[in-house]
Amino acid sequence: MRRRFGIVATIAVAYITGLIPTITFDGFFEPAFYISIFSLGMLAAEIRLSQKPKFISIKNSLPWNLLSIIFVAIGFIYEWKN
């Protein structure tokens, strides 16, 4: 699907696929949301390993070290408060 429709469509379908059981069963089937998280990992791997010019520009234009520290800190703060 990624090659035919692109990475954005793949992530959108993964999020919808992960949210439908969670919403339908009122949070009972929450692990289905891991499909969405997996799709974000696919995007990260695509950015890291791709030789396509648009992914190379994304890889070189963002401060990935700083972003990873910020997101890990947000995750720790969010879990600490809960």
C-alpha atoms as a PDB file:
ATOM      1  CA  MET A   1       0.000   0.000   0.000  1.00  0.00           C
ATOM      2  CA  ARG A   2       2.858   2.373   0.802  1.00  0.00           C
ATOM      3  CA  ARG A   3       4.320   2.140  -2.686  1.00  0.00           C
ATOM      4  CA  ARG A   4       1.001   2.609  -4.407  1.00  0.00           C
ATOM      5  CA  PHE A   5      -0.638   5.339  -2.297  1.00  0.00           C
ATOM      6  CA  GLY A   6       2.253   6.811  -0.326  1.00  0.00           C
ATOM      7  CA  ILE A   7       3.305   6.932   3.289  1.00  0.00           C
ATOM      8  CA  VAL A   8       0.644   9.459   4.363  1.00  0.00           C
ATOM      9  CA  ALA A   9      -2.199   7.232   3.147  1.00  0.00           C
ATOM     10  CA  THR A  10      -0.615   4.225   4.860  1.00  0.00           C
ATOM     11  CA  ILE A  11      -0.410   6.054   8.185  1.00  0.00           C
ATOM     12  CA  ALA A  12      -3.987   7.321   7.823  1.00  0.00           C
ATOM     13  CA  VAL A  13      -5.314   3.811   7.175  1.00  0.00           C
ATOM     14  CA  ALA A  14      -3.300   2.455  10.107  1.00  0.00           C
ATOM     15  CA  TYR A  15      -4.709   5.088  12.459  1.00  0.00           C
ATOM     16  CA  ILE A  16      -8.252   4.435  11.313  1.00  0.00           C
ATOM     17  CA  THR A  17      -7.721   0.685  11.631  1.00  0.00           C
ATOM     18  CA  GLY A  18      -6.388   1.162  15.153  1.00  0.00           C
ATOM     19  CA  LEU A  19      -9.117   3.561  16.241  1.00  0.00           C
ATOM     20  CA  ILE A  20     -12.167   1.659  14.971  1.00  0.00           C
ATOM     21  CA  PRO A  21     -11.946  -1.218  17.504  1.00  0.00           C
ATOM     22  CA  THR A  22     -11.010   1.175  20.309  1.00  0.00           C
ATOM     23  CA  ILE A  23     -13.998   3.431  19.656  1.00  0.00           C
ATOM     24  CA  THR A  24     -16.413   0.607  18.842  1.00  0.00           C
ATOM     25  CA  PHE A  25     -15.675  -1.413  21.978  1.00  0.00           C
ATOM     26  CA  ASP A  26     -15.362   1.661  24.246  1.00  0.00           C
ATOM     27  CA  GLY A  27     -11.649   1.247  24.904  1.00  0.00           C
ATOM     28  CA  PHE A  28     -11.839  -2.493  25.602  1.00  0.00           C
ATOM     29  CA  PHE A  29      -9.693  -3.374  22.595  1.00  0.00           C
ATOM     30  CA  GLU A  30      -7.110  -0.663  23.163  1.00  0.00           C
ATOM     31  CA  PRO A  31      -4.024  -2.633  21.985  1.00  0.00           C
ATOM     32  CA  ALA A  32      -5.305  -2.196  18.415  1.00  0.00           C
ATOM     33  CA  PHE A  33      -3.890   1.328  18.653  1.00  0.00           C
ATOM     34  CA  TYR A  34      -0.398  -0.210  18.469  1.00  0.00           C
ATOM     35  CA  ILE A  35      -1.012  -0.565  14.722  1.00  0.00           C
ATOM     36  CA  SER A  36      -0.909   3.226  14.543  1.00  0.00           C
ATOM     37  CA  ILE A  37       2.299   3.409  16.540  1.00  0.00           C
ATOM     38  CA  PHE A  38       3.862   0.802  14.258  1.00  0.00           C
ATOM     39  CA  SER A  39       2.992   2.951  11.231  1.00  0.00           C
ATOM     40  CA  LEU A  40       4.859   5.886  12.784  1.00  0.00           C
ATOM     41  CA  GLY A  41       7.868   3.589  13.173  1.00  0.00           C
ATOM     42  CA  MET A  42       7.549   2.784   9.469  1.00  0.00           C
ATOM     43  CA  LEU A  43       7.636   6.504   8.728  1.00  0.00           C
ATOM     44  CA  ALA A  44      10.741   6.940  10.892  1.00  0.00           C
ATOM     45  CA  ALA A  45      12.489   4.081   9.103  1.00  0.00           C
ATOM     46  CA  GLU A  46      11.482   5.531   5.741  1.00  0.00           C
ATOM     47  CA  ILE A  47      12.927   8.924   6.672  1.00  0.00           C
ATOM     48  CA  ARG A  48      16.120   7.360   8.007  1.00  0.00           C
ATOM     49  CA  LEU A  49      16.858   4.866   5.233  1.00  0.00           C
ATOM     50  CA  SER A  50      15.244   6.283   2.094  1.00  0.00           C
ATOM     51  CA  GLN A  51      17.232   7.719  -0.778  1.00  0.00           C
ATOM     52  CA  LYS A  52      14.274   9.796  -2.029  1.00  0.00           C
ATOM     53  CA  PRO A  53      15.047  13.527  -2.097  1.00  0.00           C
ATOM     54  CA  LYS A  54      12.021  14.571  -0.016  1.00  0.00           C
ATOM     55  CA  PHE A  55      12.911  12.171   2.811  1.00  0.00           C
ATOM     56  CA  ILE A  56      16.580  13.169   2.675  1.00  0.00           C
ATOM     57  CA  SER A  57      15.568  16.824   3.052  1.00  0.00           C
ATOM     58  CA  ILE A  58      13.350  15.950   6.040  1.00  0.00           C
ATOM     59  CA  LYS A  59      16.186  13.963   7.601  1.00  0.00           C
ATOM     60  CA  ASN A  60      18.659  16.808   7.176  1.00  0.00           C
ATOM     61  CA  SER A  61      16.361  19.701   8.057  1.00  0.00           C
ATOM     62  CA  LEU A  62      15.114  18.723  11.523  1.00  0.00           C
ATOM     63  CA  PRO A  63      17.130  18.606  14.767  1.00  0.00           C
ATOM     64  CA  TRP A  64      16.363  14.942  15.529  1.00  0.00           C
ATOM     65  CA  ASN A  65      18.462  14.750  18.710  1.00  0.00           C
ATOM     66  CA  LEU A  66      16.642  17.688  20.273  1.00  0.00           C
ATOM     67  CA  LEU A  67      13.235  16.405  19.133  1.00  0.00           C
ATOM     68  CA  SER A  68      13.863  12.979  20.658  1.00  0.00           C
ATOM     69  CA  ILE A  69      14.850  14.531  24.008  1.00  0.00           C
ATOM     70  CA  ILE A  70      11.738  16.725  23.990  1.00  0.00           C
ATOM     71  CA  PHE A  71       9.378  13.851  23.163  1.00  0.00           C
ATOM     72  CA  VAL A  72      10.935  11.543  25.766  1.00  0.00           C
ATOM     73  CA  ALA A  73      10.597  14.306  28.376  1.00  0.00           C
ATOM     74  CA  ILE A  74       6.947  14.841  27.424  1.00  0.00           C
ATOM     75  CA  GLY A  75       6.332  11.110  27.728  1.00  0.00           C
ATOM     76  CA  PHE A  76       7.944  10.925  31.172  1.00  0.00           C
ATOM     77  CA  ILE A  77       6.030  13.966  32.430  1.00  0.00           C
ATOM     78  CA  TYR A  78       2.739  12.616  31.096  1.00  0.00           C
ATOM     79  CA  GLU A  79       3.242   9.194  32.693  1.00  0.00           C
ATOM     80  CA  TRP A  80       4.494  10.702  35.931  1.00  0.00           C
ATOM     81  CA  LYS A  81       1.338  12.831  36.309  1.00  0.00           C
ATOM     82  CA  ASN A  82      -0.908   9.812  35.682  1.00  0.00           C
END
